Amino acid sequence: MAWGGSLNKDGSDHLRNLREADKVLKFLEELKQDVSKEEEEAISTTINIIVNHYNKKSDDDFEA
């Protein structure tokens, strides 16, 4: 790894999941531009759910 460390399976899975979530978030942000105002609000809610989930998960991991 670039920072000189290695990850266990859980760490590798977490990074893989973050990369996938990032792809989804980018897609949803682009999609918001092509939909109605009501759909845009639903997409924004979905984006917030994903971001909050990973923020909470990261916070929980640091506290452990």
Protein backbone atom coordinates (compact mmCIF):
# COMPACT_ATOMS: atom_id res chain seq x y z
CA MET A 1 0.00 0.00 0.00
CA ALA A 2 1.10 3.53 -0.69
CA TRP A 3 1.25 4.51 2.98
CA GLY A 4 3.42 1.54 3.90
CA GLY A 5 0.86 -0.46 5.85
CA SER A 6 -1.29 -3.44 5.23
CA LEU A 7 -4.94 -4.05 5.95
CA ASN A 8 -6.71 -7.05 7.31
CA LYS A 9 -9.76 -8.40 5.49
CA ASP A 10 -12.15 -6.04 7.30
CA GLY A 11 -10.06 -3.00 6.40
CA SER A 12 -9.80 -4.07 2.77
CA ASP A 13 -13.54 -4.72 2.61
CA HIS A 14 -14.23 -1.30 4.14
CA LEU A 15 -12.07 0.47 1.55
CA ARG A 16 -13.69 -1.52 -1.26
CA ASN A 17 -17.13 -0.55 0.04
CA LEU A 18 -16.09 3.12 0.27
CA ARG A 19 -14.93 3.07 -3.36
CA GLU A 20 -18.23 1.54 -4.45
CA ALA A 21 -20.21 4.05 -2.39
CA ASP A 22 -18.20 6.87 -3.97
CA LYS A 23 -19.16 5.63 -7.44
CA VAL A 24 -22.83 5.49 -6.44
CA LEU A 25 -22.70 8.98 -4.95
CA LYS A 26 -21.14 10.40 -8.11
CA PHE A 27 -23.82 8.73 -10.20
CA LEU A 28 -26.61 10.07 -7.98
CA GLU A 29 -25.18 13.59 -8.06
CA GLU A 30 -25.19 13.51 -11.87
CA LEU A 31 -28.68 12.01 -11.95
CA LYS A 32 -30.03 14.84 -9.78
CA GLN A 33 -29.41 17.26 -12.64
CA ASP A 34 -31.75 15.35 -14.98
CA VAL A 35 -34.80 14.79 -12.78
CA SER A 36 -37.72 16.75 -11.38
CA LYS A 37 -37.49 18.73 -8.15
CA GLU A 38 -39.38 16.05 -6.21
CA GLU A 39 -37.09 13.29 -7.49
CA GLU A 40 -34.07 15.47 -6.77
CA GLU A 41 -35.12 15.72 -3.12
CA ALA A 42 -35.49 11.92 -2.91
CA ILE A 43 -32.03 11.46 -4.42
CA SER A 44 -30.58 13.99 -1.97
CA THR A 45 -32.14 12.05 0.89
CA THR A 46 -30.57 8.85 -0.43
CA ILE A 47 -27.17 10.53 -0.71
CA ASN A 48 -27.46 11.76 2.88
CA ILE A 49 -28.34 8.27 4.10
CA ILE A 50 -25.26 6.78 2.41
CA VAL A 51 -22.92 9.53 3.65
CA ASN A 52 -24.29 9.36 7.20
CA HIS A 53 -23.95 5.57 7.24
CA TYR A 54 -20.27 5.68 6.30
CA ASN A 55 -19.56 8.62 8.61
CA LYS A 56 -21.14 6.73 11.51
CA LYS A 57 -19.29 3.55 10.58
CA SER A 58 -15.98 5.44 10.44
CA ASP A 59 -16.68 7.10 13.80
CA ASP A 60 -17.54 3.73 15.34
CA ASP A 61 -14.32 2.22 13.95
CA PHE A 62 -12.20 4.99 15.48
CA GLU A 63 -13.88 4.60 18.87
CA ALA A 64 -13.28 0.84 18.95
